[in-house]
Structure formats: C-alpha cells, structure tokens
Amino acid sequence: MLISSTGEITPRFFFLGNLVQQVFLIRGRENALIDAGMSIGGPIILSDLKQSLGDEKRLRWNLLTHSHFDHAGSTPYPQRKIPGLKIGASEVASQIFQNPRAVELIRSLNQDLERAAHLEEDVAFTGITVDRILRDGEILDLGLGTEIQVFATPGHTRCSLSFYLPGDEARSYFLRSLESTRAFQDEITDLFRKGQETREVVQTLKERYFENKKISQPYRAFMLNLEAKVKQVREIL
C-alpha cells in the first residue's frame, strides 16, 4: 500500500503521520485515533490532529490494534497533552502493558530511535493503562453515524484487533494493504516449500528486505517482527 501524503481519505477517515509513522483518525461526534506509532512521532501526530480536528483536545479515543512498539510507542505522548483521552485495546494487550518486561522492551526499542533523532522534547514511552477492554464483536459508537466494529484477529500478535467501518469508502484502500500482506505470506510459504528451515527463511528475507534497504525499520525491531511472522506462517503450514 503506497501512501504519498497525509490528510483526508474519506470524509470520516484520515491518514496522519508520514511514510514511516502511519496512524489513522476516524471522525464522529467522538473522534478516535487508530494506533499512535513510535514515540518519536508524537509531536507530528499531535500537529496533524490539530490540523484535522481544529483542536487536538477533541480527540476522545486512542484505539490500539496491538501492543508492538511501533504502534503503541507514542500513545503516552498525546495522553499527556490531551485531558480525558481514553485508551482502548484487547484484554491481552492490556495484560502485556502491565508486564514490566514488555514495557521495558517497548521503551527501549523507542529509545533507540529517540537517541538517533536528537529530539529536544521528551517523548519517552512511560507505559499504558487501558481504559476500555475491546472484545470481539463489540461495536463502538462514535456518534454522527460512525460505528467501529471490533474483531479479534490474533496472528501478527496474540493481542491483535482489527477495526471495521461498515459502509465506509475506505474499503478499497485497505484491500490493497491486504493484498501486500498475502503476498508476503506467500513469499514465506514458498521458501518453506523449497525446503528452507526457519532460520534460513529469516536470513533470506533479511537479505531481501533489510540489507537491500527495502524497509526502513531499525534492525532490532525488524528482526523481532520478521522472526514472529516467519514462525506464525510455519505453524499454519
């Protein structure tokens, strides 16, 4: 899925951030931010919220698809800036955010980027307390005809959720993303069927994507994600 600029995708659906820091805003009577990205993107997200909403304090929810550092790392930053901002996530994600070792991993992965960026402002990940547990089949009514359907979709992580906007014109936008996801799964599957072991598949994909600079993720985070994806595909074959 290629994104070239931020802003409105449909009248109630917006892309915020940048090519590395991708989050989404859903508008209703209450407004919801989907994920928050890495900690270094906090000021960018806040600025985009101000531009999209007129006042960033109109944001009511930050809904998290899962607990990874590049999706939840910036969540504490807008929460420090916006009084009353609530966090929604799965029960498993809530438990992960209460685990000191998980919190330290999220903090340290974000800190690697903070050091490289030499930011003047403190954007550190300080932990997350989930205000609302989101469950499979639940409907979150944002008002003004905007509803978000919640689906439990463990796979990428065991805490993963997906959010669906019934009838929204953004459907085709995400179909392109799903096509890319399926293509990568097929690529992993093909390597296993050619007889490669798990560590060989990881090495092959590292060479294809990281060493050829096709992806901009930091090495440690890239490897954690890659190993988890390869392991997941191996389990379903």
Protein backbone atom coordinates (compact mmCIF):
# COMPACT_ATOMS: atom_id res chain seq x y z
CA MET A 1 0.00 0.00 0.00
CA LEU A 2 1.61 3.26 -1.16
CA ILE A 3 0.79 6.43 0.76
CA SER A 4 2.20 9.67 -0.60
CA SER A 5 0.59 12.30 1.61
CA THR A 6 -1.37 12.77 4.82
CA GLY A 7 -4.91 14.07 5.08
CA GLU A 8 -8.44 13.03 4.21
CA ILE A 9 -9.05 9.63 2.65
CA THR A 10 -12.84 9.83 3.08
CA PRO A 11 -14.89 12.47 4.95
CA ARG A 12 -14.64 10.49 8.18
CA PHE A 13 -11.31 8.74 7.69
CA PHE A 14 -7.88 10.42 7.72
CA PHE A 15 -4.26 9.35 7.41
CA LEU A 16 -1.90 11.09 9.87
CA GLY A 17 1.87 11.00 10.34
CA ASN A 18 4.24 10.18 7.49
CA LEU A 19 5.52 7.25 5.42
CA VAL A 20 7.22 5.72 8.47
CA GLN A 21 4.75 6.85 11.14
CA GLN A 22 1.32 5.76 9.90
CA VAL A 23 -1.79 6.21 12.05
CA PHE A 24 -5.41 6.84 11.22
CA LEU A 25 -8.13 9.18 12.51
CA ILE A 26 -11.81 8.26 12.47
CA ARG A 27 -14.24 11.15 12.93
CA GLY A 28 -17.64 11.14 14.60
CA ARG A 29 -19.18 13.05 17.48
CA GLU A 30 -16.30 11.44 19.33
CA ASN A 31 -13.05 11.09 17.41
CA ALA A 32 -10.76 8.06 17.53
CA LEU A 33 -7.08 7.66 16.69
CA ILE A 34 -6.14 4.18 15.48
CA ASP A 35 -2.71 3.35 16.91
CA ALA A 36 -0.15 6.06 17.68
CA GLY A 37 3.09 4.90 16.11
CA MET A 38 6.57 5.23 17.58
CA SER A 39 7.41 7.67 20.34
CA ILE A 40 9.43 9.98 18.09
CA GLY A 41 6.29 10.68 16.04
CA GLY A 42 4.27 12.06 18.95
CA PRO A 43 4.70 15.76 18.06
CA ILE A 44 3.90 15.04 14.38
CA ILE A 45 0.70 13.19 15.29
CA LEU A 46 -0.37 15.97 17.65
CA SER A 47 0.19 18.57 14.93
CA ASP A 48 -1.82 16.51 12.40
CA LEU A 49 -4.65 16.09 14.93
CA LYS A 50 -4.78 19.84 15.37
CA GLN A 51 -4.98 20.33 11.62
CA SER A 52 -7.66 17.66 11.10
CA LEU A 53 -9.83 18.44 14.14
CA GLY A 54 -9.17 22.15 14.64
CA ASP A 55 -8.36 21.37 18.27
CA GLU A 56 -6.44 18.23 19.21
CA LYS A 57 -8.37 18.13 22.50
CA ARG A 58 -11.41 16.95 20.51
CA LEU A 59 -9.78 13.52 20.34
CA ARG A 60 -11.62 11.11 22.63
CA TRP A 61 -10.10 7.67 21.94
CA ASN A 62 -6.79 6.07 21.06
CA LEU A 63 -7.65 2.54 19.90
CA LEU A 64 -4.72 0.15 19.62
CA THR A 65 -4.59 -2.70 17.13
CA HIS A 66 -1.81 -4.39 19.14
CA SER A 67 0.98 -3.81 21.63
CA HIS A 68 4.08 -3.52 19.42
CA PHE A 69 6.43 -0.60 19.98
CA ASP A 70 5.78 0.94 16.55
CA HIS A 71 2.02 1.00 17.08
CA ALA A 72 1.69 1.92 20.77
CA GLY A 73 5.01 3.67 21.46
CA SER A 74 3.62 7.17 21.12
CA THR A 75 0.37 6.58 23.00
CA PRO A 76 1.56 8.17 26.29
CA TYR A 77 2.53 11.40 24.47
CA PRO A 78 -0.94 12.55 23.32
CA GLN A 79 -2.37 11.26 26.58
CA ARG A 80 -0.08 13.69 28.42
CA LYS A 81 -1.27 16.52 26.16
CA ILE A 82 -5.00 15.79 25.85
CA PRO A 83 -7.03 15.67 29.08
CA GLY A 84 -9.53 12.82 29.19
CA LEU A 85 -8.08 10.84 26.28
CA LYS A 86 -9.05 7.19 26.71
CA ILE A 87 -7.16 4.09 25.57
CA GLY A 88 -8.92 1.06 24.11
CA ALA A 89 -7.21 -2.27 23.42
CA SER A 90 -7.70 -6.02 23.72
CA GLU A 91 -7.58 -7.77 27.09
CA VAL A 92 -4.34 -9.49 26.11
CA ALA A 93 -2.76 -6.14 25.16
CA SER A 94 -3.86 -4.70 28.49
CA GLN A 95 -2.12 -7.56 30.28
CA ILE A 96 1.03 -7.04 28.20
CA PHE A 97 1.12 -3.35 29.15
CA GLN A 98 1.12 -4.42 32.80
CA ASN A 99 4.15 -6.66 32.30
CA PRO A 100 7.33 -4.78 33.33
CA ARG A 101 9.50 -6.73 30.87
CA ALA A 102 7.17 -5.91 27.96
CA VAL A 103 7.03 -2.25 28.96
CA GLU A 104 10.82 -2.11 29.12
CA LEU A 105 11.12 -3.67 25.66
CA ILE A 106 8.69 -1.13 24.17
CA ARG A 107 10.54 1.69 25.93
CA SER A 108 13.98 0.54 24.83
CA LEU A 109 13.04 0.00 21.16
CA ASN A 110 11.60 3.50 21.05
CA GLN A 111 14.57 4.92 22.92
CA ASP A 112 16.91 3.68 20.19
CA LEU A 113 15.09 5.96 17.75
CA GLU A 114 14.82 8.86 20.20
CA ARG A 115 18.60 8.93 20.62
CA ALA A 116 19.15 8.91 16.86
CA ALA A 117 16.62 11.72 16.33
CA HIS A 118 18.15 14.06 18.97
CA LEU A 119 14.73 15.42 19.93
CA GLU A 120 14.55 18.40 22.26
CA GLU A 121 11.13 17.40 23.64
CA ASP A 122 10.62 14.45 25.99
CA VAL A 123 8.59 11.88 24.04
CA ALA A 124 9.56 8.83 26.12
CA PHE A 125 7.30 5.82 26.40
CA THR A 126 6.14 5.79 30.02
CA GLY A 127 3.64 2.93 29.99
CA ILE A 128 -0.02 2.47 29.12
CA THR A 129 -3.11 1.81 31.21
CA VAL A 130 -6.01 0.57 29.09
CA ASP A 131 -9.30 2.30 29.97
CA ARG A 132 -11.60 0.08 27.92
CA ILE A 133 -11.16 -3.58 27.02
CA LEU A 134 -12.32 -4.10 23.44
CA ARG A 135 -13.80 -7.51 22.69
CA ASP A 136 -14.54 -9.49 19.55
CA GLY A 137 -17.89 -8.47 18.04
CA GLU A 138 -18.18 -5.26 20.03
CA ILE A 139 -19.43 -2.08 18.35
CA LEU A 140 -18.00 1.28 19.40
CA ASP A 141 -20.47 4.07 18.53
CA LEU A 142 -18.66 7.37 17.89
CA GLY A 143 -21.88 9.20 17.02
CA LEU A 144 -22.97 11.02 13.84
CA GLY A 145 -23.46 7.65 12.15
CA THR A 146 -19.92 6.43 12.68
CA GLU A 147 -19.53 2.98 14.21
CA ILE A 148 -16.42 0.85 14.60
CA GLN A 149 -16.81 -2.91 14.69
CA VAL A 150 -14.14 -4.75 16.68
CA PHE A 151 -12.72 -8.10 15.60
CA ALA A 152 -10.19 -10.21 17.48
CA THR A 153 -7.58 -11.18 14.88
CA PRO A 154 -4.68 -12.95 16.63
CA GLY A 155 -1.90 -13.75 14.22
CA HIS A 156 0.61 -10.94 13.83
CA THR A 157 0.42 -10.83 17.62
CA ARG A 158 -1.79 -12.72 20.05
CA CYS A 159 -3.25 -9.37 21.18
CA SER A 160 -4.22 -8.12 17.71
CA LEU A 161 -7.54 -6.44 16.94
CA SER A 162 -8.94 -5.24 13.63
CA PHE A 163 -11.39 -2.35 13.29
CA TYR A 164 -14.08 -2.21 10.59
CA LEU A 165 -16.07 0.79 9.42
CA PRO A 166 -19.33 -0.52 7.90
CA GLY A 167 -20.14 1.09 4.57
CA ASP A 168 -17.06 3.31 4.53
CA GLU A 169 -15.48 4.20 1.19
CA ALA A 170 -12.05 3.34 2.61
CA ARG A 171 -12.68 -0.37 1.86
CA SER A 172 -10.60 -0.35 -1.35
CA TYR A 173 -7.76 1.42 0.46
CA PHE A 174 -7.33 -1.48 2.86
CA LEU A 175 -7.89 -4.17 0.25
CA ARG A 176 -4.60 -3.06 -1.30
CA SER A 177 -2.92 -3.46 2.09
CA LEU A 178 -4.33 -6.98 2.48
CA GLU A 179 -3.01 -7.90 -0.95
CA SER A 180 0.50 -6.90 0.17
CA THR A 181 0.12 -8.94 3.37
CA ARG A 182 -0.99 -12.04 1.46
CA ALA A 183 1.90 -11.63 -0.99
CA PHE A 184 4.43 -11.60 1.87
CA GLN A 185 2.82 -14.67 3.45
CA ASP A 186 3.04 -16.43 0.09
CA GLU A 187 6.72 -15.46 -0.14
CA ILE A 188 7.44 -17.04 3.25
CA THR A 189 5.38 -20.13 2.36
CA ASP A 190 7.30 -20.57 -0.90
CA LEU A 191 10.65 -20.57 0.94
CA PHE A 192 9.46 -23.26 3.35
CA ARG A 193 8.16 -25.39 0.46
CA LYS A 194 11.57 -25.12 -1.19
CA GLY A 195 12.98 -26.88 1.86
CA GLN A 196 14.39 -24.00 3.87
CA GLU A 197 14.35 -24.22 7.66
CA THR A 198 13.02 -21.37 9.79
CA ARG A 199 16.41 -19.75 10.39
CA GLU A 200 17.18 -19.95 6.64
CA VAL A 201 13.86 -18.29 5.75
CA VAL A 202 14.61 -15.48 8.20
CA GLN A 203 18.09 -15.00 6.74
CA THR A 204 16.78 -14.97 3.15
CA LEU A 205 14.14 -12.36 3.93
CA LYS A 206 16.60 -10.27 5.94
CA GLU A 207 18.84 -10.11 2.89
CA ARG A 208 15.96 -9.30 0.56
CA TYR A 209 14.35 -6.56 2.63
CA PHE A 210 16.73 -5.15 5.24
CA GLU A 211 20.11 -5.47 3.59
CA ASN A 212 18.71 -4.25 0.25
CA LYS A 213 17.18 -1.27 2.10
CA LYS A 214 13.61 -2.05 1.05
CA ILE A 215 12.43 -1.34 4.59
CA SER A 216 13.34 1.50 6.96
CA GLN A 217 12.67 -0.17 10.32
CA PRO A 218 15.54 -0.31 12.86
CA TYR A 219 17.40 -3.63 12.73
CA ARG A 220 16.40 -4.93 16.18
CA ALA A 221 12.71 -4.20 15.62
CA PHE A 222 12.84 -5.54 12.05
CA MET A 223 14.26 -8.86 13.22
CA LEU A 224 11.75 -9.25 16.06
CA ASN A 225 8.88 -8.69 13.63
CA LEU A 226 10.35 -10.88 10.90
CA GLU A 227 11.04 -13.83 13.20
CA ALA A 228 7.49 -13.64 14.60
CA LYS A 229 5.95 -13.56 11.10
CA VAL A 230 8.03 -16.50 9.85
CA LYS A 231 7.22 -18.52 12.97
CA GLN A 232 3.49 -17.84 12.53
CA VAL A 233 3.48 -18.99 8.90
CA ARG A 234 5.46 -22.11 9.85
CA GLU A 235 2.79 -23.00 12.43
CA ILE A 236 -0.08 -22.82 9.95
CA LEU A 237 1.57 -24.84 7.17
